[in-house]
Structure formats: C-alpha cells, structure tokens
Amino acid sequence: MPDLEVRDLSLSYPVAGGGIQPVLKIEEWCLRDCAAVGITGPSGSGKTSLLHVIAGLERPNRGIVRWGRIRVTELPEAERDRWRRHCVGMIFQDFHLLPGMTVLQNVMLPATFSYARVPFALRERARKLLARVGLSDAARRVEVMSRGELQRAAVARAMLFAPSILLADEPTASLDADNGRRIGDLLLEMCHESGSMLVVVSHDPALLARLETVHTLINGRICDPERVGSLA
C-alpha cells in the first residue's frame, strides 16, 4: 500500500460578496505503514474536502499530495483521472448509484470509462464482489434497495479494480448498529484481502475504534492529541 504525504496544503472557496472561506490548512500530514486510518472532527471542519483533495477529485489552492511516488497535485487532469480510476476506490456518503440501472451495471460503471464493452473478467469480478457483499441478485434495480444494501453495493463498486487506496466518507451514516458493523467488517476484511490502505471519514465511535489510528480535523487543521483533548 502506498504512503500518503500532504505538505503545505491550503484550500479555500470564494463566497458571495468577494470574500474567501478557508477550508483546509495543513502544514504536514503523513501516513506511513498504516492499513486503516480514520479522520474525525466536528461537522464543517473540512473532512470531506480533505478526502476529495487526497483522492484527486479537487485541486487545492496550493500544496503537495503524494501517494507513494505519485504526486497527485502535479498530474494533468486526464492523467489524474486515470490514476484515480485504477488506484483509488471511493465510497461517497450519498453512494452515487444510478437509478434505472441494475446493481451489476452500477458496480461495473467505473469500467465503462475505459472500455466500450466491459471485459468478461471485470464483469465476473463485479458479480463475485456482489456475492461477497451479500447481494446475489445482480439484476436488481438499485431504486428498490435498502440503504444498507446500497452501501454494500457502493463497497463492491469501489473494489472493482482492486485499488491500492480505499477512501470512505461516512460509510456507516444513517445505518443501524448491525448494518454499521457489517459495513465495517466488509471494509476491513476486503482491504486486508487486497492489501489496500483504508482511509475513513466518520463520526461513528464503534467504527473508529476498529482502525489503527484516528486523526482529528478541526477548522481545517490536523490537530495533535493534546489540542484535541482540550477542545473535546
């Protein structure tokens, strides 16, 4: 699994009236030899923005994001998209599964950006991943599935290319305790099997307790344990 290095990172958004809203300000944040990492903190602290920046979905105003030997912030857009498609599995908080399509079609969707026709091997991998997450009916439409089933489908889709990096944004949000535990089991087991690094944004103490290390983000900054304790 690749190491993550973030240095001199800043991200801000323009606001009405010509002002600037700072979102992230991280001088240095490095993850080495970690398999399962949590990011927590108050709502509005920049957790989802940080996940999007390290995934290459959003460019910071300045700074370096490096995964292993890949400097994501320096890649041209097309190359960055190609890197993310094959090296990063992303589980969004709102799933981003497409209604009107079967669950199998949704899981295979990332492959359609690279192939006019999804190869047989990837189609079979998608079916096996669905079975692995307990969704045996590959022809089922996503609009009739429960939230827990949608979350499991999102996990399967994120693992289609066996990515070296798996990023999950609030993967147990709005799930009951049993379904939340099952999603945690799936994420940890599948990352262990594939050798992926798992980075999870979460408020769920049960899930965070299962991770190797947890970092807290407050007002866009990664805080040390002493400061976190004083603000808790």
C-alpha atoms as a PDB file:
ATOM      1  CA  MET A   1       0.000   0.000   0.000  1.00  0.00           C
ATOM      2  CA  PRO A   2       1.348   3.492  -0.810  1.00  0.00           C
ATOM      3  CA  ASP A   3       2.302   6.044   1.840  1.00  0.00           C
ATOM      4  CA  LEU A   4       0.443   9.358   1.919  1.00  0.00           C
ATOM      5  CA  GLU A   5       2.256  12.677   2.249  1.00  0.00           C
ATOM      6  CA  VAL A   6       0.447  16.017   2.461  1.00  0.00           C
ATOM      7  CA  ARG A   7       2.508  19.208   2.768  1.00  0.00           C
ATOM      8  CA  ASP A   8       1.786  22.948   2.798  1.00  0.00           C
ATOM      9  CA  LEU A   9      -1.822  22.302   1.779  1.00  0.00           C
ATOM     10  CA  SER A  10      -4.416  25.035   1.645  1.00  0.00           C
ATOM     11  CA  LEU A  11      -7.903  25.078   0.174  1.00  0.00           C
ATOM     12  CA  SER A  12     -10.412  27.925   0.196  1.00  0.00           C
ATOM     13  CA  TYR A  13     -13.631  28.737  -1.612  1.00  0.00           C
ATOM     14  CA  PRO A  14     -14.902  32.118  -2.830  1.00  0.00           C
ATOM     15  CA  VAL A  15     -18.055  33.352  -1.112  1.00  0.00           C
ATOM     16  CA  ALA A  16     -20.715  35.863  -2.048  1.00  0.00           C
ATOM     17  CA  GLY A  17     -19.516  39.437  -1.837  1.00  0.00           C
ATOM     18  CA  GLY A  18     -15.984  38.672  -2.943  1.00  0.00           C
ATOM     19  CA  GLY A  19     -14.688  37.078   0.238  1.00  0.00           C
ATOM     20  CA  ILE A  20     -12.759  33.842   0.741  1.00  0.00           C
ATOM     21  CA  GLN A  21     -13.747  30.976   3.046  1.00  0.00           C
ATOM     22  CA  PRO A  22     -10.713  28.961   4.194  1.00  0.00           C
ATOM     23  CA  VAL A  23     -11.459  25.232   4.316  1.00  0.00           C
ATOM     24  CA  LEU A  24      -8.141  23.387   4.785  1.00  0.00           C
ATOM     25  CA  LYS A  25      -4.765  24.484   6.156  1.00  0.00           C
ATOM     26  CA  ILE A  26      -2.429  21.536   6.700  1.00  0.00           C
ATOM     27  CA  GLU A  27       1.319  22.093   7.026  1.00  0.00           C
ATOM     28  CA  GLU A  28       2.259  18.414   7.198  1.00  0.00           C
ATOM     29  CA  TRP A  29       0.330  15.148   7.416  1.00  0.00           C
ATOM     30  CA  CYS A  30       1.934  11.812   6.628  1.00  0.00           C
ATOM     31  CA  LEU A  31       0.568   8.275   6.785  1.00  0.00           C
ATOM     32  CA  ARG A  32       3.173   5.530   6.644  1.00  0.00           C
ATOM     33  CA  ASP A  33       2.811   1.809   7.252  1.00  0.00           C
ATOM     34  CA  CYS A  34      -0.887   2.266   8.062  1.00  0.00           C
ATOM     35  CA  ALA A  35      -3.595  -0.041   6.804  1.00  0.00           C
ATOM     36  CA  ALA A  36      -6.710   1.560   8.339  1.00  0.00           C
ATOM     37  CA  VAL A  37      -6.915   5.259   9.214  1.00  0.00           C
ATOM     38  CA  GLY A  38      -9.793   7.368  10.499  1.00  0.00           C
ATOM     39  CA  ILE A  39     -10.475  11.089  10.110  1.00  0.00           C
ATOM     40  CA  THR A  40     -12.953  12.596  12.537  1.00  0.00           C
ATOM     41  CA  GLY A  41     -13.908  16.039  13.803  1.00  0.00           C
ATOM     42  CA  PRO A  42     -16.837  18.447  14.049  1.00  0.00           C
ATOM     43  CA  SER A  43     -19.238  18.955  11.156  1.00  0.00           C
ATOM     44  CA  GLY A  44     -17.907  21.618   8.794  1.00  0.00           C
ATOM     45  CA  SER A  45     -14.274  21.046   9.758  1.00  0.00           C
ATOM     46  CA  GLY A  46     -13.253  20.079   6.209  1.00  0.00           C
ATOM     47  CA  LYS A  47     -13.220  16.274   6.422  1.00  0.00           C
ATOM     48  CA  THR A  48     -14.997  15.594   3.118  1.00  0.00           C
ATOM     49  CA  SER A  49     -12.940  18.299   1.385  1.00  0.00           C
ATOM     50  CA  LEU A  50      -9.748  16.641   2.632  1.00  0.00           C
ATOM     51  CA  LEU A  51     -10.926  13.277   1.322  1.00  0.00           C
ATOM     52  CA  HIS A  52     -11.672  14.828  -2.083  1.00  0.00           C
ATOM     53  CA  VAL A  53      -8.273  16.534  -2.226  1.00  0.00           C
ATOM     54  CA  ILE A  54      -6.283  13.390  -1.418  1.00  0.00           C
ATOM     55  CA  ALA A  55      -8.415  11.480  -3.954  1.00  0.00           C
ATOM     56  CA  GLY A  56      -7.528  13.998  -6.672  1.00  0.00           C
ATOM     57  CA  LEU A  57     -11.174  14.984  -7.080  1.00  0.00           C
ATOM     58  CA  GLU A  58     -10.408  18.567  -6.117  1.00  0.00           C
ATOM     59  CA  ARG A  59      -7.279  20.653  -6.578  1.00  0.00           C
ATOM     60  CA  PRO A  60      -6.059  22.629  -3.557  1.00  0.00           C
ATOM     61  CA  ASN A  61      -5.028  26.266  -3.926  1.00  0.00           C
ATOM     62  CA  ARG A  62      -1.502  25.164  -3.109  1.00  0.00           C
ATOM     63  CA  GLY A  63       0.406  22.264  -1.610  1.00  0.00           C
ATOM     64  CA  ILE A  64       1.528  18.731  -2.346  1.00  0.00           C
ATOM     65  CA  VAL A  65      -0.431  15.483  -2.139  1.00  0.00           C
ATOM     66  CA  ARG A  66       1.717  12.437  -2.804  1.00  0.00           C
ATOM     67  CA  TRP A  67       0.693   8.781  -2.773  1.00  0.00           C
ATOM     68  CA  GLY A  68       3.856   6.693  -2.939  1.00  0.00           C
ATOM     69  CA  ARG A  69       5.786   8.028  -5.939  1.00  0.00           C
ATOM     70  CA  ILE A  70       2.717   9.734  -7.478  1.00  0.00           C
ATOM     71  CA  ARG A  71       2.419  13.481  -6.884  1.00  0.00           C
ATOM     72  CA  VAL A  72      -1.318  13.747  -7.423  1.00  0.00           C
ATOM     73  CA  THR A  73      -1.409  17.545  -7.294  1.00  0.00           C
ATOM     74  CA  GLU A  74       1.054  17.760 -10.219  1.00  0.00           C
ATOM     75  CA  LEU A  75      -0.712  15.369 -12.592  1.00  0.00           C
ATOM     76  CA  PRO A  76      -2.571  16.764 -15.640  1.00  0.00           C
ATOM     77  CA  GLU A  77      -6.322  16.327 -15.304  1.00  0.00           C
ATOM     78  CA  ALA A  78      -6.665  13.349 -17.674  1.00  0.00           C
ATOM     79  CA  GLU A  79      -3.742  11.535 -16.072  1.00  0.00           C
ATOM     80  CA  ARG A  80      -5.074  12.285 -12.590  1.00  0.00           C
ATOM     81  CA  ASP A  81      -8.495  10.884 -13.541  1.00  0.00           C
ATOM     82  CA  ARG A  82      -6.879   7.743 -14.939  1.00  0.00           C
ATOM     83  CA  TRP A  83      -4.777   7.280 -11.778  1.00  0.00           C
ATOM     84  CA  ARG A  84      -7.824   7.695  -9.540  1.00  0.00           C
ATOM     85  CA  ARG A  85      -9.951   5.311 -11.603  1.00  0.00           C
ATOM     86  CA  HIS A  86      -7.484   2.453 -11.245  1.00  0.00           C
ATOM     87  CA  CYS A  87      -5.753   3.172  -7.911  1.00  0.00           C
ATOM     88  CA  VAL A  88      -8.496   4.703  -5.730  1.00  0.00           C
ATOM     89  CA  GLY A  89     -11.791   3.207  -4.621  1.00  0.00           C
ATOM     90  CA  MET A  90     -14.185   5.921  -3.445  1.00  0.00           C
ATOM     91  CA  ILE A  91     -17.283   5.333  -1.316  1.00  0.00           C
ATOM     92  CA  PHE A  92     -19.346   8.508  -1.244  1.00  0.00           C
ATOM     93  CA  GLN A  93     -21.665   9.388   1.614  1.00  0.00           C
ATOM     94  CA  ASP A  94     -24.622   9.514  -0.812  1.00  0.00           C
ATOM     95  CA  PHE A  95     -23.402   6.414  -2.723  1.00  0.00           C
ATOM     96  CA  HIS A  96     -23.838   7.977  -6.222  1.00  0.00           C
ATOM     97  CA  LEU A  97     -25.504   4.824  -7.553  1.00  0.00           C
ATOM     98  CA  LEU A  98     -27.616   5.464 -10.645  1.00  0.00           C
ATOM     99  CA  PRO A  99     -31.348   4.646 -10.575  1.00  0.00           C
ATOM    100  CA  GLY A 100     -32.743   2.879 -13.618  1.00  0.00           C
ATOM    101  CA  MET A 101     -29.705   0.613 -13.721  1.00  0.00           C
ATOM    102  CA  THR A 102     -29.157  -2.781 -12.140  1.00  0.00           C
ATOM    103  CA  VAL A 103     -26.808  -3.201  -9.225  1.00  0.00           C
ATOM    104  CA  LEU A 104     -24.403  -5.086 -11.518  1.00  0.00           C
ATOM    105  CA  GLN A 105     -24.411  -2.214 -14.027  1.00  0.00           C
ATOM    106  CA  ASN A 106     -23.661   0.211 -11.190  1.00  0.00           C
ATOM    107  CA  VAL A 107     -20.745  -1.854  -9.929  1.00  0.00           C
ATOM    108  CA  MET A 108     -19.295  -2.095 -13.456  1.00  0.00           C
ATOM    109  CA  LEU A 109     -19.781   1.634 -14.102  1.00  0.00           C
ATOM    110  CA  PRO A 110     -16.113   2.640 -13.435  1.00  0.00           C
ATOM    111  CA  ALA A 111     -15.016   0.219 -16.178  1.00  0.00           C
ATOM    112  CA  THR A 112     -17.212   1.928 -18.785  1.00  0.00           C
ATOM    113  CA  PHE A 113     -14.878   4.952 -18.762  1.00  0.00           C
ATOM    114  CA  SER A 114     -12.052   2.735 -20.029  1.00  0.00           C
ATOM    115  CA  TYR A 115     -13.842   0.172 -22.202  1.00  0.00           C
ATOM    116  CA  ALA A 116     -16.538   0.397 -24.857  1.00  0.00           C
ATOM    117  CA  ARG A 117     -17.618  -3.052 -23.673  1.00  0.00           C
ATOM    118  CA  VAL A 118     -16.777  -4.246 -20.166  1.00  0.00           C
ATOM    119  CA  PRO A 119     -14.394  -7.228 -20.440  1.00  0.00           C
ATOM    120  CA  PHE A 120     -15.652 -10.617 -19.289  1.00  0.00           C
ATOM    121  CA  ALA A 121     -13.077 -10.774 -16.475  1.00  0.00           C
ATOM    122  CA  LEU A 122     -14.272  -7.469 -14.970  1.00  0.00           C
ATOM    123  CA  ARG A 123     -17.912  -8.476 -15.382  1.00  0.00           C
ATOM    124  CA  GLU A 124     -17.216 -11.708 -13.485  1.00  0.00           C
ATOM    125  CA  ARG A 125     -15.276  -9.816 -10.812  1.00  0.00           C
ATOM    126  CA  ALA A 126     -18.261  -7.488 -10.357  1.00  0.00           C
ATOM    127  CA  ARG A 127     -20.561 -10.498  -9.878  1.00  0.00           C
ATOM    128  CA  LYS A 128     -18.186 -12.056  -7.347  1.00  0.00           C
ATOM    129  CA  LEU A 129     -17.888  -8.781  -5.451  1.00  0.00           C
ATOM    130  CA  LEU A 130     -21.682  -8.522  -5.248  1.00  0.00           C
ATOM    131  CA  ALA A 131     -21.853 -12.056  -3.896  1.00  0.00           C
ATOM    132  CA  ARG A 132     -19.059 -11.180  -1.457  1.00  0.00           C
ATOM    133  CA  VAL A 133     -21.102  -8.300  -0.016  1.00  0.00           C
ATOM    134  CA  GLY A 134     -24.272 -10.410   0.155  1.00  0.00           C
ATOM    135  CA  LEU A 135     -26.093  -9.127  -2.948  1.00  0.00           C
ATOM    136  CA  SER A 136     -26.735 -12.225  -5.017  1.00  0.00           C
ATOM    137  CA  ASP A 137     -29.382 -10.731  -7.348  1.00  0.00           C
ATOM    138  CA  ALA A 138     -27.180  -8.828  -9.813  1.00  0.00           C
ATOM    139  CA  ALA A 139     -30.207  -7.848 -11.930  1.00  0.00           C
ATOM    140  CA  ARG A 140     -31.942  -5.990  -9.092  1.00  0.00           C
ATOM    141  CA  ARG A 141     -32.634  -2.295  -9.657  1.00  0.00           C
ATOM    142  CA  VAL A 142     -30.954  -0.005  -7.147  1.00  0.00           C
ATOM    143  CA  GLU A 143     -34.059   2.134  -6.581  1.00  0.00           C
ATOM    144  CA  VAL A 144     -35.762  -0.748  -4.723  1.00  0.00           C
ATOM    145  CA  MET A 145     -32.809  -1.483  -2.443  1.00  0.00           C
ATOM    146  CA  SER A 146     -32.497  -0.549   1.227  1.00  0.00           C
ATOM    147  CA  ARG A 147     -29.871   1.931   2.442  1.00  0.00           C
ATOM    148  CA  GLY A 148     -27.789  -0.882   3.892  1.00  0.00           C
ATOM    149  CA  GLU A 149     -27.896  -2.740   0.558  1.00  0.00           C
ATOM    150  CA  LEU A 150     -26.939   0.422  -1.318  1.00  0.00           C
ATOM    151  CA  GLN A 151     -23.956   0.882   0.972  1.00  0.00           C
ATOM    152  CA  ARG A 152     -22.818  -2.693   0.320  1.00  0.00           C
ATOM    153  CA  ALA A 153     -23.193  -2.127  -3.437  1.00  0.00           C
ATOM    154  CA  ALA A 154     -21.062   1.012  -3.110  1.00  0.00           C
ATOM    155  CA  VAL A 155     -18.346  -1.029  -1.357  1.00  0.00           C
ATOM    156  CA  ALA A 156     -18.409  -3.590  -4.194  1.00  0.00           C
ATOM    157  CA  ARG A 157     -18.132  -0.870  -6.853  1.00  0.00           C
ATOM    158  CA  ALA A 158     -15.202   0.773  -5.058  1.00  0.00           C
ATOM    159  CA  MET A 159     -13.288  -2.530  -5.091  1.00  0.00           C
ATOM    160  CA  LEU A 160     -13.813  -3.299  -8.815  1.00  0.00           C
ATOM    161  CA  PHE A 161     -10.213  -2.533  -9.815  1.00  0.00           C
ATOM    162  CA  ALA A 162      -8.741  -3.886  -6.538  1.00  0.00           C
ATOM    163  CA  PRO A 163      -7.455  -0.386  -5.688  1.00  0.00           C
ATOM    164  CA  SER A 164      -4.425   0.203  -3.507  1.00  0.00           C
ATOM    165  CA  ILE A 165      -6.315   3.048  -1.780  1.00  0.00           C
ATOM    166  CA  LEU A 166      -9.888   2.901  -0.457  1.00  0.00           C
ATOM    167  CA  LEU A 167     -11.490   6.153   0.729  1.00  0.00           C
ATOM    168  CA  ALA A 168     -14.858   6.088   2.504  1.00  0.00           C
ATOM    169  CA  ASP A 169     -16.928   9.127   3.502  1.00  0.00           C
ATOM    170  CA  GLU A 170     -19.210   8.382   6.485  1.00  0.00           C
ATOM    171  CA  PRO A 171     -19.782   4.755   5.370  1.00  0.00           C
ATOM    172  CA  THR A 172     -21.982   3.911   8.377  1.00  0.00           C
ATOM    173  CA  ALA A 173     -24.009   7.134   8.499  1.00  0.00           C
ATOM    174  CA  SER A 174     -27.777   6.568   8.828  1.00  0.00           C
ATOM    175  CA  LEU A 175     -27.288   2.823   9.321  1.00  0.00           C
ATOM    176  CA  ASP A 176     -28.417   0.929  12.401  1.00  0.00           C
ATOM    177  CA  ALA A 177     -25.794  -0.677  14.640  1.00  0.00           C
ATOM    178  CA  ASP A 178     -25.999  -4.107  12.971  1.00  0.00           C
ATOM    179  CA  ASN A 179     -25.683  -2.774   9.427  1.00  0.00           C
ATOM    180  CA  GLY A 180     -22.961  -0.370  10.529  1.00  0.00           C
ATOM    181  CA  ARG A 181     -20.975  -3.261  11.997  1.00  0.00           C
ATOM    182  CA  ARG A 182     -21.435  -5.292   8.787  1.00  0.00           C
ATOM    183  CA  ILE A 183     -20.145  -2.408   6.653  1.00  0.00           C
ATOM    184  CA  GLY A 184     -17.158  -2.037   8.981  1.00  0.00           C
ATOM    185  CA  ASP A 185     -16.491  -5.771   8.667  1.00  0.00           C
ATOM    186  CA  LEU A 186     -16.644  -5.562   4.862  1.00  0.00           C
ATOM    187  CA  LEU A 187     -14.331  -2.576   4.603  1.00  0.00           C
ATOM    188  CA  LEU A 188     -11.693  -4.047   6.900  1.00  0.00           C
ATOM    189  CA  GLU A 189     -11.873  -7.567   5.502  1.00  0.00           C
ATOM    190  CA  MET A 190     -11.754  -6.517   1.848  1.00  0.00           C
ATOM    191  CA  CYS A 191      -8.890  -4.086   2.427  1.00  0.00           C
ATOM    192  CA  HIS A 192      -6.963  -6.791   4.297  1.00  0.00           C
ATOM    193  CA  GLU A 193      -7.544  -9.255   1.458  1.00  0.00           C
ATOM    194  CA  SER A 194      -6.466  -6.811  -1.268  1.00  0.00           C
ATOM    195  CA  GLY A 195      -3.682  -5.071   0.661  1.00  0.00           C
ATOM    196  CA  SER A 196      -5.373  -1.669   0.288  1.00  0.00           C
ATOM    197  CA  MET A 197      -4.949   1.313   2.585  1.00  0.00           C
ATOM    198  CA  LEU A 198      -8.321   2.341   4.063  1.00  0.00           C
ATOM    199  CA  VAL A 199      -8.975   5.985   4.964  1.00  0.00           C
ATOM    200  CA  VAL A 200     -12.371   6.615   6.567  1.00  0.00           C
ATOM    201  CA  VAL A 201     -14.122   9.883   7.409  1.00  0.00           C
ATOM    202  CA  SER A 202     -16.527   9.072  10.225  1.00  0.00           C
ATOM    203  CA  HIS A 203     -18.303  10.208  13.389  1.00  0.00           C
ATOM    204  CA  ASP A 204     -19.036   6.571  14.307  1.00  0.00           C
ATOM    205  CA  PRO A 205     -17.100   5.705  17.505  1.00  0.00           C
ATOM    206  CA  ALA A 206     -17.649   1.969  17.004  1.00  0.00           C
ATOM    207  CA  LEU A 207     -16.049   2.088  13.543  1.00  0.00           C
ATOM    208  CA  LEU A 208     -13.255   4.461  14.567  1.00  0.00           C
ATOM    209  CA  ALA A 209     -12.345   2.157  17.466  1.00  0.00           C
ATOM    210  CA  ARG A 210     -11.545  -0.615  14.960  1.00  0.00           C
ATOM    211  CA  LEU A 211      -8.999   1.445  12.993  1.00  0.00           C
ATOM    212  CA  GLU A 212      -5.250   1.545  13.589  1.00  0.00           C
ATOM    213  CA  THR A 213      -5.078   5.295  14.065  1.00  0.00           C
ATOM    214  CA  VAL A 214      -7.520   8.219  14.094  1.00  0.00           C
ATOM    215  CA  HIS A 215      -6.692  11.835  13.197  1.00  0.00           C
ATOM    216  CA  THR A 216      -8.914  14.747  14.184  1.00  0.00           C
ATOM    217  CA  LEU A 217      -9.589  17.701  11.898  1.00  0.00           C
ATOM    218  CA  ILE A 218     -10.709  20.979  13.483  1.00  0.00           C
ATOM    219  CA  ASN A 219     -11.214  24.153  11.433  1.00  0.00           C
ATOM    220  CA  GLY A 220      -9.352  22.593   8.535  1.00  0.00           C
ATOM    221  CA  ARG A 221      -6.276  21.636  10.563  1.00  0.00           C
ATOM    222  CA  ILE A 222      -4.992  18.257  11.719  1.00  0.00           C
ATOM    223  CA  CYS A 223      -4.722  18.572  15.499  1.00  0.00           C
ATOM    224  CA  ASP A 224      -2.298  16.883  17.856  1.00  0.00           C
ATOM    225  CA  PRO A 225      -3.769  14.729  20.676  1.00  0.00           C
ATOM    226  CA  GLU A 226      -3.158  17.352  23.371  1.00  0.00           C
ATOM    227  CA  ARG A 227      -5.093  20.028  21.489  1.00  0.00           C
ATOM    228  CA  VAL A 228      -7.863  17.621  20.573  1.00  0.00           C
ATOM    229  CA  GLY A 229      -8.266  16.694  24.238  1.00  0.00           C
ATOM    230  CA  SER A 230      -8.528  20.356  25.263  1.00  0.00           C
ATOM    231  CA  LEU A 231     -11.243  21.003  22.680  1.00  0.00           C
ATOM    232  CA  ALA A 232     -13.263  17.819  23.198  1.00  0.00           C
END
